[in-house]
Amino acid sequence: MTMTDPIADLLTRIRNASSALHKNVEIPASKIKNEIVRVLKEEGYIENSEIIKAEPQDVLKVYLKYTPENKPVIINLSRISKPGLRKYSSSKSVPQVMGGLGIAILSTPKGILTDRQAKRENIGGEVLCYVW
């Protein structure tokens, strides 16, 4: 069976692993997933990630981050633009998540960016997901 929404799969795996307090989670790798994980790391939502070479597909290993009280740093990940219903945003209407406490991850002509980076670059794009 082919996967119709690999980004939703990535978000679900991270959400499930962090709620189960796992140290890391392995996800089938792809360029877009790697970019989303890179943004999560830059924004401090995950500890680290690495790509493990494997056949037939490389594996993206994501190391999850927890507070000193052992609570997951990621409270929620929600998919916004779905394969059946794409959500786009112009540079002027880039969404703000939780009044700026969370981030929106967008797919733009300049690559995968956060809502703040997209506003700074003055570009819009497809709103992939919200993280807080």
N, C-alpha and C. Protein backbone atom coordinates (compact mmCIF):
# COMPACT_ATOMS: atom_id res chain seq x y z
N MET A 1 0.84 -1.18 0.00
CA MET A 1 0.00 0.00 0.00
C MET A 1 0.89 1.25 0.00
N THR A 2 0.56 2.21 -0.86
CA THR A 2 1.35 3.43 -0.89
C THR A 2 0.80 4.43 0.11
N MET A 3 1.69 5.24 0.63
CA MET A 3 1.28 6.24 1.61
C MET A 3 0.81 7.49 0.87
N THR A 4 -0.38 7.98 1.22
CA THR A 4 -0.91 9.14 0.52
C THR A 4 -0.39 10.44 1.12
N ASP A 5 -0.07 10.46 2.41
CA ASP A 5 0.39 11.70 3.04
C ASP A 5 1.59 11.44 3.95
N PRO A 6 2.80 11.43 3.38
CA PRO A 6 3.98 11.15 4.19
C PRO A 6 4.25 12.19 5.28
N ILE A 7 3.82 13.44 5.06
CA ILE A 7 4.04 14.48 6.08
C ILE A 7 3.16 14.21 7.31
N ALA A 8 1.90 13.82 7.07
CA ALA A 8 1.02 13.47 8.19
C ALA A 8 1.59 12.27 8.95
N ASP A 9 2.18 11.33 8.21
CA ASP A 9 2.80 10.15 8.84
C ASP A 9 3.97 10.59 9.74
N LEU A 10 4.81 11.50 9.23
CA LEU A 10 5.93 12.04 10.02
C LEU A 10 5.43 12.68 11.31
N LEU A 11 4.43 13.55 11.19
CA LEU A 11 3.89 14.25 12.36
C LEU A 11 3.28 13.27 13.36
N THR A 12 2.55 12.29 12.87
CA THR A 12 1.91 11.30 13.74
C THR A 12 2.96 10.47 14.48
N ARG A 13 4.01 10.05 13.78
CA ARG A 13 5.06 9.26 14.43
C ARG A 13 5.76 10.06 15.52
N ILE A 14 6.04 11.34 15.24
CA ILE A 14 6.69 12.19 16.26
C ILE A 14 5.74 12.40 17.44
N ARG A 15 4.46 12.68 17.14
CA ARG A 15 3.46 12.91 18.19
C ARG A 15 3.33 11.67 19.08
N ASN A 16 3.20 10.49 18.47
CA ASN A 16 3.04 9.25 19.23
C ASN A 16 4.27 8.93 20.07
N ALA A 17 5.45 9.07 19.47
CA ALA A 17 6.69 8.75 20.19
C ALA A 17 6.90 9.69 21.36
N SER A 18 6.59 10.99 21.19
CA SER A 18 6.82 11.92 22.30
C SER A 18 5.79 11.72 23.40
N SER A 19 4.56 11.35 23.05
CA SER A 19 3.57 11.10 24.11
C SER A 19 3.88 9.80 24.85
N ALA A 20 4.59 8.88 24.19
CA ALA A 20 5.00 7.64 24.86
C ALA A 20 6.38 7.80 25.52
N LEU A 21 6.93 9.04 25.48
CA LEU A 21 8.22 9.38 26.08
C LEU A 21 9.40 8.56 25.53
N HIS A 22 9.35 8.24 24.23
CA HIS A 22 10.48 7.56 23.60
C HIS A 22 11.63 8.54 23.41
N LYS A 23 12.87 8.01 23.43
CA LYS A 23 14.04 8.86 23.23
C LYS A 23 14.15 9.29 21.76
N ASN A 24 13.81 8.39 20.85
CA ASN A 24 13.90 8.70 19.43
C ASN A 24 12.83 7.95 18.65
N VAL A 25 12.68 8.33 17.38
CA VAL A 25 11.70 7.69 16.51
C VAL A 25 12.32 7.59 15.11
N GLU A 26 12.06 6.46 14.44
CA GLU A 26 12.60 6.27 13.10
C GLU A 26 11.48 6.40 12.07
N ILE A 27 11.75 7.16 11.01
CA ILE A 27 10.76 7.49 10.00
C ILE A 27 11.40 7.26 8.63
N PRO A 28 10.67 6.69 7.66
CA PRO A 28 11.25 6.58 6.32
C PRO A 28 11.64 7.98 5.81
N ALA A 29 12.87 8.11 5.33
CA ALA A 29 13.41 9.44 4.99
C ALA A 29 12.93 9.93 3.63
N SER A 30 12.81 11.24 3.51
CA SER A 30 12.60 11.90 2.22
C SER A 30 13.12 13.32 2.37
N LYS A 31 13.32 14.02 1.26
CA LYS A 31 13.88 15.38 1.33
C LYS A 31 12.98 16.30 2.14
N ILE A 32 11.67 16.25 1.88
CA ILE A 32 10.76 17.18 2.57
C ILE A 32 10.69 16.88 4.07
N LYS A 33 10.67 15.59 4.43
CA LYS A 33 10.64 15.23 5.86
C LYS A 33 11.92 15.71 6.54
N ASN A 34 13.05 15.54 5.86
CA ASN A 34 14.33 15.98 6.41
C ASN A 34 14.33 17.49 6.64
N GLU A 35 13.74 18.25 5.71
CA GLU A 35 13.66 19.70 5.85
C GLU A 35 12.74 20.11 7.01
N ILE A 36 11.61 19.43 7.16
CA ILE A 36 10.68 19.73 8.26
C ILE A 36 11.39 19.47 9.60
N VAL A 37 12.09 18.34 9.67
CA VAL A 37 12.82 17.99 10.90
C VAL A 37 13.94 19.01 11.17
N ARG A 38 14.60 19.49 10.10
CA ARG A 38 15.64 20.52 10.26
C ARG A 38 15.04 21.78 10.91
N VAL A 39 13.85 22.19 10.45
CA VAL A 39 13.18 23.37 11.01
C VAL A 39 12.83 23.11 12.48
N LEU A 40 12.31 21.91 12.80
CA LEU A 40 11.97 21.58 14.19
C LEU A 40 13.21 21.67 15.08
N LYS A 41 14.37 21.23 14.56
CA LYS A 41 15.61 21.29 15.34
C LYS A 41 16.05 22.74 15.52
N GLU A 42 16.02 23.53 14.42
CA GLU A 42 16.42 24.95 14.51
C GLU A 42 15.55 25.72 15.51
N GLU A 43 14.27 25.34 15.59
CA GLU A 43 13.35 26.05 16.48
C GLU A 43 13.37 25.47 17.90
N GLY A 44 14.17 24.43 18.14
CA GLY A 44 14.33 23.89 19.48
C GLY A 44 13.26 22.89 19.92
N TYR A 45 12.51 22.34 18.96
CA TYR A 45 11.46 21.37 19.32
C TYR A 45 11.99 19.95 19.43
N ILE A 46 13.12 19.65 18.78
CA ILE A 46 13.72 18.31 18.90
C ILE A 46 15.20 18.47 19.22
N GLU A 47 15.78 17.39 19.75
CA GLU A 47 17.20 17.39 20.14
C GLU A 47 18.10 17.35 18.91
N ASN A 48 17.87 16.37 18.03
CA ASN A 48 18.73 16.17 16.88
C ASN A 48 18.08 15.21 15.90
N SER A 49 18.72 15.01 14.74
CA SER A 49 18.24 14.02 13.78
C SER A 49 19.43 13.54 12.96
N GLU A 50 19.28 12.35 12.39
CA GLU A 50 20.32 11.83 11.50
C GLU A 50 19.67 10.94 10.46
N ILE A 51 20.37 10.80 9.32
CA ILE A 51 19.87 9.92 8.27
C ILE A 51 20.71 8.65 8.31
N ILE A 52 20.04 7.51 8.40
CA ILE A 52 20.71 6.22 8.43
C ILE A 52 20.49 5.57 7.07
N LYS A 53 21.59 5.25 6.39
CA LYS A 53 21.49 4.62 5.07
C LYS A 53 20.92 3.22 5.22
N ALA A 54 19.91 2.91 4.41
CA ALA A 54 19.28 1.60 4.49
C ALA A 54 18.66 1.27 3.13
N GLU A 55 18.36 0.02 2.92
CA GLU A 55 17.65 -0.41 1.71
C GLU A 55 16.26 -0.85 2.11
N PRO A 56 15.22 -0.59 1.35
CA PRO A 56 15.16 0.13 0.07
C PRO A 56 15.13 1.64 0.26
N GLN A 57 14.95 2.12 1.51
CA GLN A 57 14.82 3.56 1.74
C GLN A 57 15.61 3.94 2.98
N ASP A 58 16.26 5.11 2.94
CA ASP A 58 16.98 5.60 4.11
C ASP A 58 16.00 5.88 5.24
N VAL A 59 16.54 5.88 6.47
CA VAL A 59 15.71 6.11 7.64
C VAL A 59 16.13 7.42 8.30
N LEU A 60 15.15 8.23 8.65
CA LEU A 60 15.39 9.49 9.34
C LEU A 60 15.16 9.21 10.83
N LYS A 61 16.22 9.33 11.63
CA LYS A 61 16.10 9.07 13.07
C LYS A 61 16.02 10.41 13.78
N VAL A 62 14.91 10.63 14.48
CA VAL A 62 14.66 11.90 15.16
C VAL A 62 14.79 11.69 16.67
N TYR A 63 15.67 12.49 17.29
CA TYR A 63 15.87 12.41 18.74
C TYR A 63 14.98 13.46 19.39
N LEU A 64 14.03 12.99 20.19
CA LEU A 64 13.03 13.88 20.78
C LEU A 64 13.58 14.63 21.99
N LYS A 65 12.97 15.75 22.29
CA LYS A 65 13.43 16.63 23.37
C LYS A 65 12.37 16.70 24.46
N TYR A 66 12.82 16.67 25.72
CA TYR A 66 11.91 16.73 26.86
C TYR A 66 12.37 17.80 27.84
N THR A 67 11.43 18.31 28.63
CA THR A 67 11.78 19.30 29.65
C THR A 67 12.45 18.56 30.82
N PRO A 68 13.07 19.31 31.76
CA PRO A 68 13.67 18.65 32.94
C PRO A 68 12.64 17.83 33.73
N GLU A 69 11.35 18.20 33.64
CA GLU A 69 10.29 17.45 34.34
C GLU A 69 9.83 16.24 33.51
N ASN A 70 10.56 15.94 32.42
CA ASN A 70 10.27 14.81 31.53
C ASN A 70 8.94 14.97 30.78
N LYS A 71 8.58 16.20 30.46
CA LYS A 71 7.40 16.47 29.64
C LYS A 71 7.89 16.73 28.21
N PRO A 72 7.15 16.24 27.20
CA PRO A 72 7.58 16.49 25.81
C PRO A 72 7.60 17.99 25.49
N VAL A 73 8.63 18.43 24.77
CA VAL A 73 8.71 19.83 24.36
C VAL A 73 7.60 20.13 23.34
N ILE A 74 7.35 19.15 22.45
CA ILE A 74 6.29 19.33 21.46
C ILE A 74 4.96 18.97 22.11
N ILE A 75 4.08 19.97 22.25
CA ILE A 75 2.77 19.72 22.84
C ILE A 75 1.82 19.21 21.77
N ASN A 76 1.90 19.82 20.59
CA ASN A 76 1.02 19.38 19.50
C ASN A 76 1.64 19.67 18.14
N LEU A 77 1.33 18.77 17.20
CA LEU A 77 1.69 18.94 15.79
C LEU A 77 0.38 18.75 15.03
N SER A 78 -0.01 19.71 14.21
CA SER A 78 -1.23 19.46 13.45
C SER A 78 -1.01 19.76 11.97
N ARG A 79 -1.46 18.84 11.15
CA ARG A 79 -1.34 18.96 9.69
C ARG A 79 -2.39 19.96 9.22
N ILE A 80 -1.99 20.93 8.40
CA ILE A 80 -2.93 21.94 7.92
C ILE A 80 -3.30 21.66 6.47
N SER A 81 -2.31 21.69 5.58
CA SER A 81 -2.56 21.45 4.17
C SER A 81 -2.53 19.94 3.93
N LYS A 82 -3.63 19.38 3.44
CA LYS A 82 -3.70 17.93 3.21
C LYS A 82 -3.72 17.66 1.71
N PRO A 83 -3.38 16.42 1.29
CA PRO A 83 -3.38 16.14 -0.15
C PRO A 83 -4.73 16.44 -0.81
N GLY A 84 -5.83 16.22 -0.11
CA GLY A 84 -7.14 16.47 -0.69
C GLY A 84 -7.58 17.91 -0.61
N LEU A 85 -6.94 18.68 0.29
CA LEU A 85 -7.33 20.09 0.47
C LEU A 85 -6.08 20.89 0.84
N ARG A 86 -5.46 21.46 -0.18
CA ARG A 86 -4.24 22.24 0.04
C ARG A 86 -4.59 23.60 0.62
N LYS A 87 -3.75 24.07 1.55
CA LYS A 87 -3.95 25.39 2.15
C LYS A 87 -2.72 26.25 1.83
N TYR A 88 -2.96 27.36 1.17
CA TYR A 88 -1.87 28.26 0.82
C TYR A 88 -2.05 29.59 1.53
N SER A 89 -0.96 30.31 1.67
CA SER A 89 -1.01 31.58 2.35
C SER A 89 -0.13 32.56 1.58
N SER A 90 -0.63 33.79 1.40
CA SER A 90 0.19 34.81 0.74
C SER A 90 1.18 35.34 1.78
N SER A 91 2.14 36.12 1.31
CA SER A 91 3.15 36.66 2.24
C SER A 91 2.50 37.55 3.30
N LYS A 92 1.37 38.18 2.95
CA LYS A 92 0.70 39.07 3.90
C LYS A 92 -0.18 38.32 4.90
N SER A 93 -0.61 37.11 4.55
CA SER A 93 -1.53 36.39 5.44
C SER A 93 -0.92 35.13 6.04
N VAL A 94 0.41 35.14 6.22
CA VAL A 94 1.08 33.99 6.85
C VAL A 94 0.51 33.83 8.26
N PRO A 95 0.00 32.63 8.62
CA PRO A 95 -0.66 32.46 9.91
C PRO A 95 0.32 32.56 11.08
N GLN A 96 -0.21 33.02 12.21
CA GLN A 96 0.56 33.05 13.45
C GLN A 96 -0.05 31.99 14.37
N VAL A 97 0.78 31.13 14.94
CA VAL A 97 0.29 30.01 15.75
C VAL A 97 0.35 30.36 17.22
N MET A 98 -0.76 30.19 17.92
CA MET A 98 -0.83 30.44 19.37
C MET A 98 -0.27 31.81 19.72
N GLY A 99 -0.63 32.83 18.95
CA GLY A 99 -0.16 34.18 19.21
C GLY A 99 1.35 34.31 19.17
N GLY A 100 2.00 33.49 18.34
CA GLY A 100 3.45 33.57 18.21
C GLY A 100 4.20 32.59 19.10
N LEU A 101 3.48 31.85 19.94
CA LEU A 101 4.14 30.87 20.82
C LEU A 101 4.53 29.61 20.06
N GLY A 102 3.75 29.27 19.03
CA GLY A 102 4.07 28.11 18.21
C GLY A 102 4.61 28.55 16.87
N ILE A 103 4.85 27.59 15.98
CA ILE A 103 5.31 27.94 14.63
C ILE A 103 4.43 27.28 13.59
N ALA A 104 4.34 27.93 12.44
CA ALA A 104 3.73 27.32 11.26
C ALA A 104 4.90 26.96 10.36
N ILE A 105 4.87 25.78 9.76
CA ILE A 105 5.92 25.39 8.83
C ILE A 105 5.33 25.48 7.43
N LEU A 106 5.99 26.26 6.57
CA LEU A 106 5.50 26.47 5.21
C LEU A 106 6.47 25.93 4.17
N SER A 107 5.91 25.47 3.06
CA SER A 107 6.71 25.09 1.92
C SER A 107 6.66 26.26 0.95
N THR A 108 7.81 26.94 0.78
CA THR A 108 7.85 28.15 -0.05
C THR A 108 8.80 27.94 -1.23
N PRO A 109 8.81 28.89 -2.17
CA PRO A 109 9.78 28.80 -3.27
C PRO A 109 11.23 28.80 -2.78
N LYS A 110 11.47 29.31 -1.56
CA LYS A 110 12.83 29.33 -1.00
C LYS A 110 13.07 28.15 -0.07
N GLY A 111 12.22 27.14 -0.12
CA GLY A 111 12.40 25.96 0.73
C GLY A 111 11.42 25.94 1.89
N ILE A 112 11.66 25.03 2.83
CA ILE A 112 10.80 24.89 4.00
C ILE A 112 11.20 25.95 5.03
N LEU A 113 10.24 26.82 5.39
CA LEU A 113 10.52 27.91 6.33
C LEU A 113 9.47 27.96 7.43
N THR A 114 9.80 28.66 8.52
CA THR A 114 8.81 28.91 9.57
C THR A 114 7.99 30.13 9.16
N ASP A 115 6.91 30.38 9.88
CA ASP A 115 6.07 31.55 9.60
C ASP A 115 6.89 32.85 9.72
N ARG A 116 7.75 32.93 10.74
CA ARG A 116 8.56 34.14 10.92
C ARG A 116 9.54 34.35 9.77
N GLN A 117 10.21 33.27 9.34
CA GLN A 117 11.16 33.38 8.23
C GLN A 117 10.43 33.80 6.95
N ALA A 118 9.24 33.23 6.71
CA ALA A 118 8.48 33.56 5.50
C ALA A 118 8.07 35.03 5.53
N LYS A 119 7.65 35.52 6.71
CA LYS A 119 7.29 36.95 6.83
C LYS A 119 8.51 37.83 6.54
N ARG A 120 9.66 37.45 7.11
CA ARG A 120 10.89 38.22 6.91
C ARG A 120 11.29 38.26 5.44
N GLU A 121 11.16 37.09 4.76
CA GLU A 121 11.52 36.99 3.34
C GLU A 121 10.42 37.58 2.45
N ASN A 122 9.26 37.87 3.05
CA ASN A 122 8.09 38.39 2.33
C ASN A 122 7.60 37.44 1.25
N ILE A 123 7.53 36.14 1.59
CA ILE A 123 6.99 35.16 0.66
C ILE A 123 5.93 34.30 1.35
N GLY A 124 4.98 33.83 0.56
CA GLY A 124 3.96 32.93 1.07
C GLY A 124 4.28 31.51 0.61
N GLY A 125 3.33 30.61 0.81
CA GLY A 125 3.54 29.23 0.37
C GLY A 125 2.46 28.33 0.93
N GLU A 126 2.72 27.03 0.82
CA GLU A 126 1.77 26.04 1.34
C GLU A 126 2.00 25.85 2.84
N VAL A 127 0.93 25.99 3.62
CA VAL A 127 1.03 25.84 5.07
C VAL A 127 0.98 24.35 5.40
N LEU A 128 2.15 23.75 5.71
CA LEU A 128 2.23 22.32 5.93
C LEU A 128 1.65 21.92 7.28
N CYS A 129 2.11 22.58 8.37
CA CYS A 129 1.65 22.18 9.69
C CYS A 129 1.91 23.27 10.72
N TYR A 130 1.26 23.10 11.88
CA TYR A 130 1.47 23.97 13.04
C TYR A 130 2.15 23.13 14.12
N VAL A 131 3.06 23.75 14.85
CA VAL A 131 3.75 23.07 15.94
C VAL A 131 3.73 23.99 17.16
N TRP A 132 3.40 23.44 18.32
CA TRP A 132 3.52 24.20 19.57
C TRP A 132 3.70 23.25 20.72
